[in-house]
Protein backbone atom coordinates (compact mmCIF):
# COMPACT_ATOMS: atom_id res chain seq x y z
CA UNK A 1 132.60 113.36 88.27
CA UNK A 2 134.88 112.22 85.46
CA UNK A 3 134.90 115.02 82.84
CA UNK A 4 135.50 112.31 79.94
CA UNK A 5 132.08 110.81 81.09
CA UNK A 6 130.04 114.09 80.60
CA UNK A 7 127.97 114.57 77.59
CA UNK A 8 125.55 117.38 76.48
CA UNK A 9 121.67 116.95 77.02
CA UNK A 10 121.45 116.28 73.09
CA UNK A 11 124.16 113.82 73.14
CA UNK A 12 122.64 112.20 76.14
CA UNK A 13 119.15 111.75 74.16
CA UNK A 14 120.81 110.27 71.28
CA UNK A 15 122.86 107.83 73.46
CA UNK A 16 119.93 106.87 75.48
CA UNK A 17 117.80 106.33 72.42
CA UNK A 18 120.30 103.80 71.19
CA UNK A 19 120.88 102.13 74.54
CA UNK A 20 117.15 101.69 75.17
CA UNK A 21 115.96 101.14 71.56
CA UNK A 22 113.29 103.63 72.03
CA UNK A 23 112.87 107.30 71.36
CA UNK A 24 114.41 109.37 74.20
CA UNK A 25 114.12 113.25 73.85
CA UNK A 26 115.89 116.09 75.34
CA UNK A 27 112.83 116.70 77.37
CA UNK A 28 113.11 113.21 78.85
CA UNK A 29 116.69 113.90 79.95
CA UNK A 30 115.68 117.25 81.43
CA UNK A 31 112.97 115.64 83.35
CA UNK A 32 115.54 113.26 84.96
CA UNK A 33 117.71 116.28 85.88
CA UNK A 34 114.72 118.37 87.20
CA UNK A 35 113.68 115.56 89.54
CA UNK A 36 117.23 114.84 90.67
CA UNK A 37 117.20 111.39 89.22
CA UNK A 38 120.61 112.24 87.46
CA UNK A 39 123.07 114.95 88.16
CA UNK A 40 123.69 117.92 85.97
CA UNK A 41 127.04 119.91 85.58
CA UNK A 42 127.28 123.51 84.07
CA UNK A 43 130.37 124.30 82.35
CA UNK A 44 130.89 127.57 80.43
CA UNK A 45 127.01 127.98 80.30
CA UNK A 46 126.43 124.46 78.90
CA UNK A 47 124.39 121.68 80.82
CA UNK A 48 126.18 118.19 80.85
CA UNK A 49 125.28 114.86 82.44
CA UNK A 50 127.16 111.82 83.21
CA UNK A 51 126.72 108.93 80.86
CA UNK A 52 127.45 106.54 83.73
CA UNK A 53 124.66 108.16 85.68
CA UNK A 54 122.32 107.42 82.56
CA UNK A 55 123.40 103.98 82.25
CA UNK A 56 122.63 103.23 85.87
CA UNK A 57 119.15 104.79 85.58
CA UNK A 58 118.20 102.99 82.49
CA UNK A 59 119.65 99.68 83.65
CA UNK A 60 117.48 99.94 86.77
CA UNK A 61 114.51 100.48 84.51
CA UNK A 62 115.07 97.34 82.35
CA UNK A 63 112.41 95.38 84.25
CA UNK A 64 111.21 92.73 81.86
CA UNK A 65 113.71 90.11 83.00
CA UNK A 66 112.91 90.95 86.53
CA UNK A 67 109.17 90.77 86.08
CA UNK A 68 109.27 87.47 84.16
CA UNK A 69 111.30 86.14 87.07
CA UNK A 70 108.55 87.12 89.36
CA UNK A 71 105.43 86.55 87.53
CA UNK A 72 106.43 83.87 85.00
CA UNK A 73 107.79 83.55 81.42
CA UNK A 74 104.35 83.45 80.04
CA UNK A 75 104.13 87.32 80.39
CA UNK A 76 103.28 88.71 77.08
CA UNK A 77 105.53 91.80 77.04
CA UNK A 78 104.24 93.23 73.77
CA UNK A 79 101.16 94.07 75.73
CA UNK A 80 102.96 95.86 78.36
CA UNK A 81 103.12 98.86 75.76
CA UNK A 82 106.46 99.83 77.50
CA UNK A 83 107.40 102.15 74.49
CA UNK A 84 104.54 104.51 75.09
CA UNK A 85 104.65 107.79 77.02
CA UNK A 86 101.89 108.84 79.40
CA UNK A 87 100.67 111.30 76.80
CA UNK A 88 100.05 108.27 74.40
CA UNK A 89 98.04 106.22 77.10
CA UNK A 90 95.87 109.43 78.07
CA UNK A 91 95.45 110.71 74.63
CA UNK A 92 92.59 113.16 73.71
CA UNK A 93 89.38 112.62 75.58
CA UNK A 94 90.69 109.66 77.70
CA UNK A 95 91.87 112.21 80.27
CA UNK A 96 88.85 114.45 80.61
CA UNK A 97 88.26 112.97 84.02
CA UNK A 98 90.07 110.69 86.47
CA UNK A 99 88.76 107.25 86.93
CA UNK A 100 90.04 104.40 88.96
CA UNK A 101 90.47 100.91 87.42
CA UNK A 102 90.46 101.71 83.71
CA UNK A 103 92.59 100.01 81.14
CA UNK A 104 94.72 102.03 78.45
CA UNK A 105 93.24 102.66 75.01
CA UNK A 106 96.12 100.79 73.28
CA UNK A 107 94.99 97.39 74.97
CA UNK A 108 91.44 98.03 73.38
CA UNK A 109 93.14 98.82 70.04
CA UNK A 110 95.17 95.66 70.04
CA UNK A 111 92.29 93.44 70.27
CA UNK A 112 89.64 95.20 68.16
CA UNK A 113 91.80 96.95 65.54
CA UNK A 114 90.96 95.14 62.10
CA UNK A 115 94.51 96.35 60.70
CA UNK A 116 97.22 93.69 60.90
CA UNK A 117 100.57 94.67 62.41
CA UNK A 118 103.80 92.73 63.03
CA UNK A 119 102.60 91.32 66.42
CA UNK A 120 98.87 90.28 65.58
CA UNK A 121 97.92 87.12 63.79
CA UNK A 122 94.18 86.98 64.28
CA UNK A 123 91.49 89.51 63.41
CA UNK A 124 88.41 89.42 65.72
CA UNK A 125 86.44 92.37 64.57
CA UNK A 126 86.18 94.51 61.47
CA UNK A 127 85.05 98.12 60.53
CA UNK A 128 81.23 98.69 61.25
CA UNK A 129 80.94 95.69 63.56
CA UNK A 130 79.24 96.17 66.87
CA UNK A 131 80.98 95.82 70.21
CA UNK A 132 79.34 95.73 73.62
CA UNK A 133 81.03 96.76 76.86
CA UNK A 134 78.76 95.71 79.86
CA UNK A 135 80.97 97.39 82.29
CA UNK A 136 81.65 100.55 80.50
CA UNK A 137 83.16 102.62 83.22
CA UNK A 138 84.70 105.77 81.68
CA UNK A 139 84.07 104.68 78.03
CA UNK A 140 87.56 103.52 76.85
CA UNK A 141 86.08 100.80 74.74
CA UNK A 142 83.50 103.19 73.08
CA UNK A 143 86.08 105.84 72.25
CA UNK A 144 88.59 103.42 70.72
CA UNK A 145 85.70 101.74 68.75
CA UNK A 146 84.90 105.07 67.35
CA UNK A 147 88.58 105.87 66.38
CA UNK A 148 88.61 102.46 64.57
CA UNK A 149 85.31 102.80 62.68
CA UNK A 150 83.33 100.16 65.03
CA UNK A 151 80.02 100.89 66.52
CA UNK A 152 79.86 100.17 70.26
CA UNK A 153 77.27 100.05 73.04
CA UNK A 154 78.20 100.50 76.75
CA UNK A 155 76.22 99.82 79.94
CA UNK A 156 77.20 100.85 83.47
CA UNK A 157 75.39 100.90 86.70
CA UNK A 158 76.57 104.30 87.64
CA UNK A 159 74.89 107.24 86.20
CA UNK A 160 77.98 109.36 86.51
CA UNK A 161 80.23 106.82 84.64
CA UNK A 162 77.58 106.83 81.84
CA UNK A 163 77.86 110.66 81.72
CA UNK A 164 81.71 110.55 81.35
CA UNK A 165 81.41 107.92 78.65
CA UNK A 166 78.75 109.94 76.62
CA UNK A 167 80.59 113.16 77.12
CA UNK A 168 83.75 111.57 75.47
CA UNK A 169 81.98 110.17 72.35
CA UNK A 170 79.10 112.70 71.81
CA UNK A 171 79.45 115.40 69.07
CA UNK A 172 78.73 118.87 70.34
CA UNK A 173 79.07 122.41 69.30
CA UNK A 174 82.47 123.09 70.66
CA UNK A 175 82.37 126.83 69.74
CA UNK A 176 79.27 127.45 71.86
CA UNK A 177 80.97 125.46 74.64
CA UNK A 178 83.88 127.64 74.64
CA UNK A 179 81.68 130.70 74.66
CA UNK A 180 79.60 129.47 77.57
CA UNK A 181 82.80 128.48 79.51
CA UNK A 182 84.24 131.96 78.96
CA UNK A 183 80.92 133.54 80.45
CA UNK A 184 80.95 131.27 83.49
CA UNK A 185 84.60 131.93 84.01
CA UNK A 186 84.10 135.72 84.09
CA UNK A 187 81.24 135.47 86.51
CA UNK A 188 83.20 133.27 88.87
CA UNK A 189 86.18 135.58 88.74
CA UNK A 190 83.65 138.40 89.70
CA UNK A 191 82.12 136.23 92.49
CA UNK A 192 85.53 135.41 94.24
CA UNK A 193 87.11 138.84 93.71
CA UNK A 194 86.64 139.99 97.31
CA UNK A 195 88.42 137.00 98.82
CA UNK A 196 91.64 137.04 96.55
CA UNK A 197 93.65 139.30 98.87
CA UNK A 198 93.90 136.41 101.48
CA UNK A 199 95.14 133.89 99.07
CA UNK A 200 97.50 136.29 97.20
CA UNK A 201 99.34 137.01 100.53
CA UNK A 202 99.34 133.37 101.55
CA UNK A 203 100.85 132.40 98.07
CA UNK A 204 103.58 135.04 98.27
CA UNK A 205 104.51 134.19 101.80
CA UNK A 206 104.58 130.26 100.98
CA UNK A 207 106.64 131.02 97.86
CA UNK A 208 109.15 132.95 99.84
CA UNK A 209 109.44 130.31 102.58
CA UNK A 210 109.85 127.50 100.22
CA UNK A 211 112.49 129.32 98.18
CA UNK A 212 114.60 129.79 101.31
CA UNK A 213 113.87 126.33 102.87
CA UNK A 214 113.51 123.87 99.93
CA UNK A 215 115.83 124.54 97.02
CA UNK A 216 114.16 121.96 94.98
CA UNK A 217 117.00 120.43 93.09
CA UNK A 218 119.56 120.74 95.88
CA UNK A 219 117.00 119.54 98.51
CA UNK A 220 115.96 116.42 96.40
CA UNK A 221 119.56 115.53 95.89
CA UNK A 222 120.25 115.63 99.56
CA UNK A 223 117.14 113.57 100.35
CA UNK A 224 117.98 111.04 97.68
CA UNK A 225 121.70 110.85 99.10
CA UNK A 226 120.12 110.45 102.65
CA UNK A 227 122.02 113.81 103.84
CA UNK A 228 118.59 114.95 104.85
CA UNK A 229 115.91 113.16 106.62
CA UNK A 230 112.87 114.48 104.84
CA UNK A 231 110.29 113.38 107.55
CA UNK A 232 112.20 115.22 110.43
CA UNK A 233 113.25 118.22 108.23
CA UNK A 234 109.94 118.49 106.65
CA UNK A 235 107.99 118.35 110.04
CA UNK A 236 110.08 121.01 111.31
CA UNK A 237 109.50 123.49 108.54
CA UNK A 238 105.76 122.45 108.47
CA UNK A 239 105.53 123.61 112.20
CA UNK A 240 107.54 126.69 111.38
CA UNK A 241 105.31 127.93 108.53
CA UNK A 242 101.94 127.14 110.45
CA UNK A 243 102.65 129.97 112.68
CA UNK A 244 102.57 132.29 109.63
CA UNK A 245 99.55 130.48 108.26
CA UNK A 246 97.55 130.75 111.34
CA UNK A 247 98.33 134.48 111.68
CA UNK A 248 96.93 135.15 108.18
CA UNK A 249 93.76 133.01 108.87
CA UNK A 250 92.97 135.22 111.87
CA UNK A 251 93.93 138.47 110.03
CA UNK A 252 91.40 137.66 107.27
CA UNK A 253 88.91 135.94 109.36
CA UNK A 254 88.96 132.82 107.33
CA UNK A 255 86.51 130.02 107.90
CA UNK A 256 87.98 126.54 107.78
CA UNK A 257 85.15 124.34 108.72
CA UNK A 258 81.64 124.06 107.44
CA UNK A 259 78.74 124.29 110.05
CA UNK A 260 78.03 120.57 109.50
CA UNK A 261 79.95 117.75 107.75
CA UNK A 262 77.05 115.42 107.10
CA UNK A 263 77.69 115.61 103.45
CA UNK A 264 80.77 114.39 101.37
CA UNK A 265 81.13 118.09 100.11
CA UNK A 266 80.86 119.61 103.68
CA UNK A 267 83.51 117.26 105.06
CA UNK A 268 86.19 117.46 102.40
CA UNK A 269 85.81 120.94 100.99
CA UNK A 270 86.80 124.30 102.83
CA UNK A 271 83.70 126.53 103.08
CA UNK A 272 84.85 129.10 100.31
CA UNK A 273 85.23 126.11 97.91
CA UNK A 274 81.79 124.87 98.87
CA UNK A 275 80.41 128.43 98.03
CA UNK A 276 82.11 128.56 94.78
CA UNK A 277 81.06 125.02 93.74
CA UNK A 278 77.44 125.80 94.60
CA UNK A 279 77.60 129.17 92.63
CA UNK A 280 79.03 127.68 89.39
CA UNK A 281 76.84 124.54 89.56
CA UNK A 282 73.76 126.81 89.65
CA UNK A 283 74.85 128.57 86.66
CA UNK A 284 75.44 125.34 84.89
CA UNK A 285 71.92 124.02 85.92
CA UNK A 286 70.49 127.09 83.91
CA UNK A 287 71.78 125.82 80.61
CA UNK A 288 69.39 124.19 78.37
CA UNK A 289 71.70 122.35 75.94
CA UNK A 290 71.98 118.92 77.74
CA UNK A 291 75.17 117.96 75.84
CA UNK A 292 77.03 121.06 76.87
CA UNK A 293 75.62 121.06 80.36
CA UNK A 294 76.99 117.45 80.76
CA UNK A 295 80.63 118.53 79.69
CA UNK A 296 80.42 121.45 82.03
CA UNK A 297 79.47 119.06 84.75
CA UNK A 298 82.47 116.94 83.93
CA UNK A 299 84.69 119.95 84.02
CA UNK A 300 83.39 121.00 87.35
CA UNK A 301 83.52 117.49 88.84
CA UNK A 302 87.33 117.31 87.75
CA UNK A 303 87.86 120.53 89.28
CA UNK A 304 86.14 119.58 92.56
CA UNK A 305 88.40 116.53 92.72
CA UNK A 306 91.53 118.57 92.71
CA UNK A 307 90.24 120.99 95.32
CA UNK A 308 89.31 118.48 98.19
CA UNK A 309 90.90 119.32 101.34
CA UNK A 310 93.52 116.74 101.30
CA UNK A 311 97.24 116.31 100.81
CA UNK A 312 98.46 116.04 97.10
CA UNK A 313 99.80 112.57 97.90
CA UNK A 314 96.39 111.33 99.16
CA UNK A 315 94.07 112.67 96.29
CA UNK A 316 93.58 109.17 95.11
CA UNK A 317 92.67 107.67 98.51
CA UNK A 318 91.24 110.04 100.92
CA UNK A 319 92.61 109.69 104.54
CA UNK A 320 91.51 112.81 106.57
CA UNK A 321 90.57 116.24 105.77
CA UNK A 322 93.42 118.72 105.75
CA UNK A 323 92.73 122.48 106.38
CA UNK A 324 96.32 123.74 107.29
CA UNK A 325 99.55 123.98 105.42
CA UNK A 326 101.57 120.84 105.41
CA UNK A 327 104.96 119.20 104.26
CA UNK A 328 104.14 117.56 100.86
CA UNK A 329 106.02 114.35 100.17
CA UNK A 330 104.91 114.54 96.53
CA UNK A 331 106.45 118.12 95.80
CA UNK A 332 109.19 118.04 98.40
CA UNK A 333 107.96 121.38 99.96
CA UNK A 334 105.29 123.14 102.18
CA UNK A 335 101.90 123.06 100.30
CA UNK A 336 98.44 124.39 101.27
CA UNK A 337 94.84 123.55 100.98
CA UNK A 338 92.91 125.32 98.26
CA UNK A 339 90.47 128.29 99.02
CA UNK A 340 89.22 128.76 95.34
CA UNK A 341 88.36 126.62 92.52
CA UNK A 342 89.31 129.20 89.87
CA UNK A 343 92.91 127.93 89.03
CA UNK A 344 91.63 124.31 88.38
CA UNK A 345 88.38 125.33 86.72
CA UNK A 346 90.41 127.36 84.16
CA UNK A 347 92.98 124.66 83.51
CA UNK A 348 90.57 121.87 83.17
CA UNK A 349 88.14 124.02 80.88
CA UNK A 350 90.98 124.64 78.42
CA UNK A 351 92.23 121.18 78.68
CA UNK A 352 88.77 119.51 78.04
CA UNK A 353 88.07 121.74 75.05
CA UNK A 354 91.51 120.88 73.63
CA UNK A 355 91.00 117.26 74.18
CA UNK A 356 87.45 117.28 72.59
CA UNK A 357 89.04 119.16 69.42
CA UNK A 358 91.63 116.42 69.15
CA UNK A 359 89.23 113.60 69.14
CA UNK A 360 86.87 115.42 66.69
CA UNK A 361 89.70 115.27 64.27
CA UNK A 362 89.89 111.40 64.67
CA UNK A 363 86.09 110.76 64.82
CA UNK A 364 84.52 108.24 62.43
CA UNK A 365 80.88 108.07 61.33
CA UNK A 366 79.88 105.34 63.68
CA UNK A 367 77.55 104.92 66.50
CA UNK A 368 78.52 104.69 70.23
CA UNK A 369 76.23 105.15 73.30
CA UNK A 370 76.42 104.28 77.11
CA UNK A 371 73.28 103.39 78.93
CA UNK A 372 72.78 103.41 82.71
CA UNK A 373 71.45 100.06 83.62
CA UNK A 374 72.24 96.68 85.04
CA UNK A 375 73.98 94.37 82.52
CA UNK A 376 72.66 91.34 84.16
CA UNK A 377 69.09 91.97 82.78
CA UNK A 378 69.01 95.12 80.63
CA UNK A 379 67.12 94.79 77.37
CA UNK A 380 69.91 96.29 75.13
CA UNK A 381 67.96 96.64 71.96
CA UNK A 382 65.01 98.34 73.63
CA UNK A 383 67.15 100.81 75.28
CA UNK A 384 68.94 101.90 72.26
CA UNK A 385 65.51 102.23 70.56
CA UNK A 386 64.65 104.77 73.07
CA UNK A 387 67.80 106.98 72.50
CA UNK A 388 68.63 106.33 68.76
CA UNK A 389 66.32 104.78 66.18
CA UNK A 390 69.01 104.62 63.59
CA UNK A 391 71.50 102.68 65.64
CA UNK A 392 68.52 100.44 66.68
CA UNK A 393 67.76 99.53 63.16
CA UNK A 394 71.55 98.78 62.63
CA UNK A 395 71.47 96.52 65.62
CA UNK A 396 68.35 94.57 64.56
CA UNK A 397 69.93 93.82 61.26
CA UNK A 398 73.62 93.21 62.30
CA UNK A 399 73.52 92.08 66.02
CA UNK A 400 76.48 92.38 68.30
CA UNK A 401 79.63 90.80 67.18
CA UNK A 402 81.33 90.40 70.74
CA UNK A 403 82.57 91.97 73.84
CA UNK A 404 85.51 93.95 75.12
CA UNK A 405 85.25 94.73 78.77
CA UNK A 406 86.92 94.86 82.14
CA UNK A 407 84.58 93.86 85.03
CA UNK A 408 85.12 95.13 88.59
CA UNK A 409 87.90 93.24 90.27
CA UNK A 410 86.33 91.54 93.23
CA UNK A 411 86.59 93.43 96.48
CA UNK A 412 88.89 96.25 95.11
CA UNK A 413 86.95 99.35 94.24
CA UNK A 414 83.47 100.97 95.25
CA UNK A 415 82.75 102.60 91.95
CA UNK A 416 80.19 105.16 93.22
CA UNK A 417 82.15 106.23 96.14
CA UNK A 418 85.13 107.13 94.11
CA UNK A 419 83.04 109.96 92.76
CA UNK A 420 81.05 110.78 95.81
CA UNK A 421 81.66 114.54 95.47
CA UNK A 422 80.08 114.67 92.15
CA UNK A 423 77.02 112.55 93.17
CA UNK A 424 76.57 115.09 96.17
CA UNK A 425 77.00 118.27 94.12
CA UNK A 426 74.80 117.24 91.15
CA UNK A 427 72.31 115.15 93.12
CA UNK A 428 72.71 112.00 90.78
CA UNK A 429 71.05 108.72 91.77
CA UNK A 430 73.30 106.18 93.35
CA UNK A 431 73.02 102.50 92.52
CA UNK A 432 75.77 101.25 95.08
CA UNK A 433 73.77 98.24 95.88
CA UNK A 434 73.76 96.86 92.54
CA UNK A 435 77.62 97.01 91.92
CA UNK A 436 79.21 93.79 91.17
CA UNK A 437 82.16 92.78 93.25
CA UNK A 438 82.54 96.13 95.09
CA UNK A 439 85.02 96.72 97.77
CA UNK A 440 82.28 96.88 100.52
CA UNK A 441 81.26 93.25 99.57
CA UNK A 442 84.62 91.95 100.24
CA UNK A 443 86.17 88.61 99.03
CA UNK A 444 84.66 86.04 101.29
CA UNK A 445 83.46 82.67 99.93
CA UNK A 446 79.93 83.98 99.53
CA UNK A 447 81.25 87.15 97.85
CA UNK A 448 83.17 85.02 95.34
CA UNK A 449 80.07 82.86 94.73
CA UNK A 450 77.95 86.02 94.07
CA UNK A 451 80.59 87.49 91.87
CA UNK A 452 80.73 84.35 89.77
CA UNK A 453 76.91 84.25 89.44
CA UNK A 454 76.70 87.85 88.57
CA UNK A 455 79.35 88.03 85.88
CA UNK A 456 77.85 84.72 84.34
CA UNK A 457 74.33 86.46 84.21
CA UNK A 458 75.96 89.47 82.49
CA UNK A 459 77.52 87.19 79.90
CA UNK A 460 74.20 85.07 79.46
CA UNK A 461 72.18 88.10 78.98
CA UNK A 462 74.69 89.56 76.47
CA UNK A 463 74.49 86.46 74.34
CA UNK A 464 70.99 87.16 73.52
CA UNK A 465 72.08 90.10 71.42
CA UNK A 466 75.18 88.63 69.84
CA UNK A 467 75.90 86.73 66.74
CA UNK A 468 76.64 83.00 67.00
CA UNK A 469 80.32 83.23 66.39
CA UNK A 470 81.01 85.84 68.88
CA UNK A 471 84.27 86.88 70.60
CA UNK A 472 84.53 87.85 73.96
CA UNK A 473 87.54 89.52 75.66
CA UNK A 474 87.46 89.96 79.42
CA UNK A 475 90.50 91.85 81.18
CA UNK A 476 90.71 90.60 84.68
CA UNK A 477 93.19 90.05 87.54
CA UNK A 478 91.77 86.62 88.24
CA UNK A 479 93.77 85.94 91.49
CA UNK A 480 91.00 83.68 92.83
CA UNK A 481 90.72 81.68 89.51
CA UNK A 482 86.95 82.48 89.24
CA UNK A 483 86.91 82.79 85.47
CA UNK A 484 86.93 79.11 84.35
CA UNK A 485 83.71 78.72 86.42
CA UNK A 486 82.29 81.91 85.09
CA UNK A 487 82.93 80.63 81.47
CA UNK A 488 81.30 77.41 82.27
CA UNK A 489 78.17 78.98 83.84
CA UNK A 490 77.86 81.15 80.71
CA UNK A 491 78.01 78.19 78.30
CA UNK A 492 81.43 79.54 77.01
CA UNK A 493 84.96 78.21 76.73
CA UNK A 494 88.06 80.02 77.36
CA UNK A 495 90.07 79.60 74.00
CA UNK A 496 92.99 81.70 74.80
CA UNK A 497 94.56 83.87 77.69
CA UNK A 498 96.96 86.69 77.31
CA UNK A 499 99.06 87.47 80.54
CA UNK A 500 99.74 91.21 80.52
CA UNK A 501 102.43 93.08 82.65
CA UNK A 502 100.79 96.34 83.89
CA UNK A 503 103.63 98.87 84.23
CA UNK A 504 101.91 102.23 84.60
CA UNK A 505 99.90 101.75 87.70
CA UNK A 506 98.57 104.83 89.70
CA UNK A 507 98.69 103.02 93.01
CA UNK A 508 101.63 103.75 95.31
CA UNK A 509 102.50 99.91 95.31
CA UNK A 510 104.69 99.59 92.15
CA UNK A 511 105.51 95.84 92.70
CA UNK A 512 105.24 93.62 89.62
CA UNK A 513 101.78 93.08 88.69
CA UNK A 514 99.78 91.34 85.75
CA UNK A 515 96.47 90.84 84.53
CA UNK A 516 94.77 88.43 82.15
CA UNK A 517 92.92 88.89 79.11
CA UNK A 518 90.53 86.01 78.69
CA UNK A 519 89.24 85.26 75.11
CA UNK A 520 85.93 83.38 75.41
CA UNK A 521 83.75 81.83 72.69
CA UNK A 522 80.51 79.68 72.70
CA UNK A 523 80.95 76.26 74.26
């Protein structure tokens, strides 16, 4: 490496900020080093990196031109939000529970924010307006409406989705929540204390093994440079550690399988995890405050998801239960299944409370509510009246100004099944058969026809409650070109489309991908 090419981490951050025209911090540079994306040199105790390495890295990440070549020059790159960090797109309550298929809050802000900026020409909504999201999902529209001083109503066919949404936007007594969480955590620690010896010994042996065989920076660099075949080496070490693991399982007489696997929980969780989940869930069920109880269920559900008996790289899409140690492609070392929920329960309890406090500091005095129901036929006003008379009076006098939503993409996700573990534990009612465009229905000609009819019915039903000069925004990946027909059947017209590059996808497929935001008005 050329010495004249070396710069300090501080200088690297300054150079990269100028080169990319966006803020790059020392932490960003350290991340590149930590994950062996660029090399580091230590000289007299000072860390240096190569400016040439940096340039190569950032050149590879200048994707706008490549994406436009693949997807067309009509891509609206402003809507890529490529200047944002993950912490921005998952701010405050938006990350209190994982959810497939949600849009980022900045996309909602762009279309419903009434404050002009250098990019926007038209204002579609103003403060104290009312917005409707008929496919509320995890409540992104509702949360951002609150931040911007706009009232909002959500409807979702999934009882669990409605709970996530309402937990994000409800005001609750956070001090009481903290006290109850501390009590539950203390009880859980006492409950699991007898079984900690096994996991302590397993963790120690695993740490020692990984330190010897997977020196992370050196190992990642060798894998990247193709000096080590990670599949072959990882498999060898996986089999080597399995001998140690199996000896410990025998020593402590650890049970790896439930007596039956008829339920999702019994199939995907190790018996000790099942016992702890049932224990803490019984404690939560004894709490009378419905709002606090719901938040605790969200924390427990988030904890459950991280404790499923699967590999770290397959958490998003379960393949098969894993009850043994394995070579982890995500972490470049030997990892293990979990035998206790305590680590994640503590982590997510702290994180959830912190995020609720953050959102409280931004909260406006407006109304938001998500109702469990079918947007094709729900009587929105009557349902709101059941829950909140004040909001109902506002609705009667003002009516709904428009929609911002993202319907299910046809044949892509089974929305109930993605949270099957929570439905099992909490015994919530499932409405799978009423999902629109679910994965199980496929993308046949009949499925497309049914999808078109269903989305049209949702829009026609919503129009009963909206003002005449409404604005409807629908986020969709319309690869089957269904939305022109949907608009026609809803007696609406598409007045504009915004083609948005989607950069931060959670799926393993990172190829160029876009979605359309359709702007519809009355025909």
